Each structure stands twice: as structure tokens, then as C-alpha cells.
Amino acid sequence: MDNETKKRVNVSVGIIENDKNEILICKRNKKGDHIYGLLEFPGGKIEKDETPIDCLIRELYEEVDIILPSTSTSSNTPSIIKLIEVVEFEFKEIICNIHFFKVNLQPQQQQQQITPKAKENQPMFWIKKTELNYLQFPDPNKNVIELLNKNKI
């Protein structure tokens, strides 16, 4: 399958760190999926007429029950969500543009404790940043994991 016939997908994912320097990850459990069984940062596909940040806000609520302020209702959103990089990656079946965001929950935690909950029956873990290199993630995650291990994000 050549690049012109492959479906293009845009995705937003959130890198969420707790106060113990652990990163929230989920395990892909949808059978038949091209990355089934691999670990991933929470997130998902950007819908038509949706910005990457609005997608991230929606997906974090749908997947792990984290409520972030909408970009249309909060001037605080830029301090909570920061774009790290956009990676274009060609899988066998699709070409995927992945927007990696760092999500800072600290301002909200002062008001309330945020406890993510898996809402889609996916396994979910807090993992030390130093252990991420030893786990199986999709290839497009490698650079972000390296940046996390070097404390550059």
C-alpha cells in the first residue's frame, strides 16, 4: 500500500505525570488493532472540526476520567497543556500524525485530588519515567520517552 492510498489519522495524546515522577500509561486492549497489546499514553483520534487540544481534553475525560478546562472556556488551558511535538509516522495500514502534549495537573490538584480511572476497561498504570524504556510502546513514542528520561519535558 503506498502513501497516497493509506488513510491519514490525526491523534492527540497526553503525557500525565504525578508528584512521584510517574507517567500514566494504558495498555491497548482492542483486539485486531494495529497496536494491540502495546502500551500508550492516553488519547485518541481528532474528530472533524476539533482542535488537537480539544481532542485531548475530550479523550482524557472519555478514557481516564480526567476533566480539564475547555480551551473555549478557560484562559488557564495553555498553562495546563503544552504541545511537546507532532510526529508523523507511517504504520503498515495508516499514516498517523500524533500530537504529544504534556499535561500539568498541579494547578488543579491544589483544589482537588485528581485520580484517573480507566473508563474503557483498559489496563492503566503509573510507571516511573526511568522504566519507560523497558516497556513496549508503538515506535512513534520513542523520542518522547527519551525526552522524558532526560527530564527535558
C-alpha atoms as a PDB file:
ATOM      1  CA  MET A   1       0.000   0.000   0.000  1.00  0.00           C
ATOM      2  CA  ASP A   2       1.537   3.330  -0.997  1.00  0.00           C
ATOM      3  CA  ASN A   3       1.325   6.630   0.900  1.00  0.00           C
ATOM      4  CA  GLU A   4      -1.343   8.091  -1.380  1.00  0.00           C
ATOM      5  CA  THR A   5      -3.823   5.268  -0.687  1.00  0.00           C
ATOM      6  CA  LYS A   6      -3.204   4.988   3.048  1.00  0.00           C
ATOM      7  CA  LYS A   7      -5.709   6.548   5.390  1.00  0.00           C
ATOM      8  CA  ARG A   8      -4.411   9.567   7.337  1.00  0.00           C
ATOM      9  CA  VAL A   9      -5.304   9.847  11.012  1.00  0.00           C
ATOM     10  CA  ASN A  10      -4.632  12.717  13.432  1.00  0.00           C
ATOM     11  CA  VAL A  11      -4.274  11.853  17.099  1.00  0.00           C
ATOM     12  CA  SER A  12      -3.718  13.723  20.375  1.00  0.00           C
ATOM     13  CA  VAL A  13      -2.127  12.067  23.412  1.00  0.00           C
ATOM     14  CA  GLY A  14      -1.402  13.332  26.896  1.00  0.00           C
ATOM     15  CA  ILE A  15       1.690  12.714  28.963  1.00  0.00           C
ATOM     16  CA  ILE A  16       0.473  12.982  32.530  1.00  0.00           C
ATOM     17  CA  GLU A  17       2.967  12.973  35.384  1.00  0.00           C
ATOM     18  CA  ASN A  18       2.109  12.631  39.066  1.00  0.00           C
ATOM     19  CA  ASP A  19       4.023  14.043  42.033  1.00  0.00           C
ATOM     20  CA  LYS A  20       6.070  10.814  42.281  1.00  0.00           C
ATOM     21  CA  ASN A  21       7.599  11.318  38.798  1.00  0.00           C
ATOM     22  CA  GLU A  22       5.412   8.572  37.395  1.00  0.00           C
ATOM     23  CA  ILE A  23       3.721   8.709  33.996  1.00  0.00           C
ATOM     24  CA  LEU A  24       0.195   7.478  33.350  1.00  0.00           C
ATOM     25  CA  ILE A  25       0.046   4.808  30.653  1.00  0.00           C
ATOM     26  CA  CYS A  26      -2.651   2.495  29.325  1.00  0.00           C
ATOM     27  CA  LYS A  27      -2.477  -0.852  27.577  1.00  0.00           C
ATOM     28  CA  ARG A  28      -4.140  -1.128  24.175  1.00  0.00           C
ATOM     29  CA  ASN A  29      -6.708  -3.909  24.544  1.00  0.00           C
ATOM     30  CA  LYS A  30      -8.817  -3.659  21.382  1.00  0.00           C
ATOM     31  CA  LYS A  31      -8.233  -6.937  19.524  1.00  0.00           C
ATOM     32  CA  GLY A  32      -7.450  -6.544  15.851  1.00  0.00           C
ATOM     33  CA  ASP A  33      -5.981  -3.086  16.424  1.00  0.00           C
ATOM     34  CA  HIS A  34      -2.610  -2.460  14.741  1.00  0.00           C
ATOM     35  CA  ILE A  35      -1.033  -1.685  18.141  1.00  0.00           C
ATOM     36  CA  TYR A  36      -2.942  -4.260  20.232  1.00  0.00           C
ATOM     37  CA  GLY A  37      -1.125  -5.202  23.426  1.00  0.00           C
ATOM     38  CA  LEU A  38       1.268  -2.240  23.378  1.00  0.00           C
ATOM     39  CA  LEU A  39       1.368   0.496  25.985  1.00  0.00           C
ATOM     40  CA  GLU A  40       0.339   4.035  25.142  1.00  0.00           C
ATOM     41  CA  PHE A  41      -0.249   7.450  26.606  1.00  0.00           C
ATOM     42  CA  PRO A  42      -3.976   8.228  26.952  1.00  0.00           C
ATOM     43  CA  GLY A  43      -5.533   9.961  23.960  1.00  0.00           C
ATOM     44  CA  GLY A  44      -7.252   9.301  20.675  1.00  0.00           C
ATOM     45  CA  LYS A  45      -8.341  10.402  17.213  1.00  0.00           C
ATOM     46  CA  ILE A  46      -9.047  14.033  16.446  1.00  0.00           C
ATOM     47  CA  GLU A  47     -12.608  14.405  15.176  1.00  0.00           C
ATOM     48  CA  LYS A  48     -13.683  16.628  12.294  1.00  0.00           C
ATOM     49  CA  ASP A  49     -13.749  20.321  13.295  1.00  0.00           C
ATOM     50  CA  GLU A  50     -11.906  19.554  16.554  1.00  0.00           C
ATOM     51  CA  THR A  51      -8.569  21.099  17.542  1.00  0.00           C
ATOM     52  CA  PRO A  52      -5.785  18.841  18.843  1.00  0.00           C
ATOM     53  CA  ILE A  53      -6.140  20.352  22.355  1.00  0.00           C
ATOM     54  CA  ASP A  54      -9.937  19.947  22.377  1.00  0.00           C
ATOM     55  CA  CYS A  55      -9.454  16.331  21.292  1.00  0.00           C
ATOM     56  CA  LEU A  56      -7.023  15.765  24.156  1.00  0.00           C
ATOM     57  CA  ILE A  57      -9.464  17.273  26.667  1.00  0.00           C
ATOM     58  CA  ARG A  58     -12.277  15.037  25.361  1.00  0.00           C
ATOM     59  CA  GLU A  59     -10.159  11.878  25.195  1.00  0.00           C
ATOM     60  CA  LEU A  60      -8.703  12.275  28.691  1.00  0.00           C
ATOM     61  CA  TYR A  61     -12.227  12.511  30.072  1.00  0.00           C
ATOM     62  CA  GLU A  62     -13.528   9.583  27.982  1.00  0.00           C
ATOM     63  CA  GLU A  63     -10.582   7.268  28.687  1.00  0.00           C
ATOM     64  CA  VAL A  64      -9.292   8.095  32.159  1.00  0.00           C
ATOM     65  CA  ASP A  65     -11.883  10.429  33.727  1.00  0.00           C
ATOM     66  CA  ILE A  66      -9.610  13.478  33.902  1.00  0.00           C
ATOM     67  CA  ILE A  67     -11.516  16.728  33.483  1.00  0.00           C
ATOM     68  CA  LEU A  68      -9.502  19.612  32.056  1.00  0.00           C
ATOM     69  CA  PRO A  69     -10.866  23.069  31.244  1.00  0.00           C
ATOM     70  CA  SER A  70     -12.039  23.607  27.684  1.00  0.00           C
ATOM     71  CA  THR A  71      -9.944  25.950  25.555  1.00  0.00           C
ATOM     72  CA  SER A  72     -13.077  27.963  24.814  1.00  0.00           C
ATOM     73  CA  THR A  73     -13.948  28.495  28.494  1.00  0.00           C
ATOM     74  CA  SER A  74     -10.584  28.877  30.234  1.00  0.00           C
ATOM     75  CA  SER A  75      -7.616  31.171  29.830  1.00  0.00           C
ATOM     76  CA  ASN A  76      -5.726  28.706  32.088  1.00  0.00           C
ATOM     77  CA  THR A  77      -5.612  25.904  29.489  1.00  0.00           C
ATOM     78  CA  PRO A  78      -2.232  26.915  27.959  1.00  0.00           C
ATOM     79  CA  SER A  79      -0.537  26.609  31.373  1.00  0.00           C
ATOM     80  CA  ILE A  80      -2.003  23.147  31.881  1.00  0.00           C
ATOM     81  CA  ILE A  81      -1.491  21.704  28.375  1.00  0.00           C
ATOM     82  CA  LYS A  82       1.733  22.186  26.407  1.00  0.00           C
ATOM     83  CA  LEU A  83       2.483  20.777  22.959  1.00  0.00           C
ATOM     84  CA  ILE A  84       5.743  18.814  23.010  1.00  0.00           C
ATOM     85  CA  GLU A  85       5.941  17.695  19.392  1.00  0.00           C
ATOM     86  CA  VAL A  86       3.976  16.389  16.425  1.00  0.00           C
ATOM     87  CA  VAL A  87       5.217  13.135  14.934  1.00  0.00           C
ATOM     88  CA  GLU A  88       4.173  11.771  11.559  1.00  0.00           C
ATOM     89  CA  PHE A  89       4.542   8.012  11.496  1.00  0.00           C
ATOM     90  CA  GLU A  90       3.705   5.516   8.799  1.00  0.00           C
ATOM     91  CA  PHE A  91       2.231   2.294  10.116  1.00  0.00           C
ATOM     92  CA  LYS A  92       1.531  -0.604   7.775  1.00  0.00           C
ATOM     93  CA  GLU A  93      -2.145   0.375   7.408  1.00  0.00           C
ATOM     94  CA  ILE A  94      -2.230   4.134   8.110  1.00  0.00           C
ATOM     95  CA  ILE A  95      -0.236   7.342   8.309  1.00  0.00           C
ATOM     96  CA  CYS A  96      -0.641   8.867  11.740  1.00  0.00           C
ATOM     97  CA  ASN A  97       0.075  12.437  12.873  1.00  0.00           C
ATOM     98  CA  ILE A  98       0.449  12.282  16.652  1.00  0.00           C
ATOM     99  CA  HIS A  99       0.263  15.437  18.769  1.00  0.00           C
ATOM    100  CA  PHE A 100       2.124  14.778  22.034  1.00  0.00           C
ATOM    101  CA  PHE A 101       1.078  17.078  24.892  1.00  0.00           C
ATOM    102  CA  LYS A 102       2.441  17.387  28.424  1.00  0.00           C
ATOM    103  CA  VAL A 103      -0.453  17.814  30.855  1.00  0.00           C
ATOM    104  CA  ASN A 104       0.323  19.610  34.105  1.00  0.00           C
ATOM    105  CA  LEU A 105      -2.265  18.738  36.728  1.00  0.00           C
ATOM    106  CA  GLN A 106      -0.538  20.647  39.533  1.00  0.00           C
ATOM    107  CA  PRO A 107      -2.711  23.822  39.393  1.00  0.00           C
ATOM    108  CA  GLN A 108      -5.873  21.741  39.684  1.00  0.00           C
ATOM    109  CA  GLN A 109      -4.518  19.440  42.388  1.00  0.00           C
ATOM    110  CA  GLN A 110      -4.375  22.339  44.808  1.00  0.00           C
ATOM    111  CA  GLN A 111      -8.169  22.499  44.642  1.00  0.00           C
ATOM    112  CA  GLN A 112      -8.935  18.797  44.443  1.00  0.00           C
ATOM    113  CA  GLN A 113      -7.174  15.449  44.177  1.00  0.00           C
ATOM    114  CA  ILE A 114      -7.329  14.039  40.651  1.00  0.00           C
ATOM    115  CA  THR A 115      -7.441  10.268  40.462  1.00  0.00           C
ATOM    116  CA  PRO A 116      -7.574   8.855  36.921  1.00  0.00           C
ATOM    117  CA  LYS A 117      -9.928   5.913  36.393  1.00  0.00           C
ATOM    118  CA  ALA A 118      -9.930   3.573  33.408  1.00  0.00           C
ATOM    119  CA  LYS A 119     -13.334   4.125  31.801  1.00  0.00           C
ATOM    120  CA  GLU A 120     -12.855   1.852  28.777  1.00  0.00           C
ATOM    121  CA  ASN A 121     -11.819  -1.306  30.668  1.00  0.00           C
ATOM    122  CA  GLN A 122      -8.212  -0.842  29.606  1.00  0.00           C
ATOM    123  CA  PRO A 123      -5.383  -1.685  31.997  1.00  0.00           C
ATOM    124  CA  MET A 124      -3.897   1.548  33.353  1.00  0.00           C
ATOM    125  CA  PHE A 125      -0.638   2.059  35.264  1.00  0.00           C
ATOM    126  CA  TRP A 126       1.583   4.720  36.811  1.00  0.00           C
ATOM    127  CA  ILE A 127       5.157   3.955  35.694  1.00  0.00           C
ATOM    128  CA  LYS A 128       8.424   5.608  36.764  1.00  0.00           C
ATOM    129  CA  LYS A 129       9.917   7.643  33.909  1.00  0.00           C
ATOM    130  CA  THR A 130      13.134   5.637  34.191  1.00  0.00           C
ATOM    131  CA  GLU A 131      11.234   2.394  33.444  1.00  0.00           C
ATOM    132  CA  LEU A 132       9.554   3.573  30.225  1.00  0.00           C
ATOM    133  CA  ASN A 133      12.496   2.430  28.048  1.00  0.00           C
ATOM    134  CA  TYR A 134      11.958  -1.157  29.138  1.00  0.00           C
ATOM    135  CA  LEU A 135       8.307  -1.322  28.090  1.00  0.00           C
ATOM    136  CA  GLN A 136       6.683  -1.893  24.704  1.00  0.00           C
ATOM    137  CA  PHE A 137       5.279   1.288  23.135  1.00  0.00           C
ATOM    138  CA  PRO A 138       4.485   1.992  19.479  1.00  0.00           C
ATOM    139  CA  ASP A 139       7.542   3.286  17.588  1.00  0.00           C
ATOM    140  CA  PRO A 140       6.334   6.918  17.316  1.00  0.00           C
ATOM    141  CA  ASN A 141       6.635   7.233  21.114  1.00  0.00           C
ATOM    142  CA  LYS A 142      10.399   6.624  21.249  1.00  0.00           C
ATOM    143  CA  ASN A 143      11.552  10.249  21.016  1.00  0.00           C
ATOM    144  CA  VAL A 144       9.075  11.456  23.647  1.00  0.00           C
ATOM    145  CA  ILE A 145      10.131   8.651  26.010  1.00  0.00           C
ATOM    146  CA  GLU A 146      13.763   9.643  25.506  1.00  0.00           C
ATOM    147  CA  LEU A 147      12.889  13.274  26.330  1.00  0.00           C
ATOM    148  CA  LEU A 148      11.041  12.121  29.478  1.00  0.00           C
ATOM    149  CA  ASN A 149      14.033  10.052  30.597  1.00  0.00           C
ATOM    150  CA  LYS A 150      16.329  13.061  30.174  1.00  0.00           C
ATOM    151  CA  ASN A 151      13.857  15.263  32.122  1.00  0.00           C
ATOM    152  CA  LYS A 152      13.534  17.585  29.127  1.00  0.00           C
ATOM    153  CA  ILE A 153       9.732  17.628  29.343  1.00  0.00           C
END
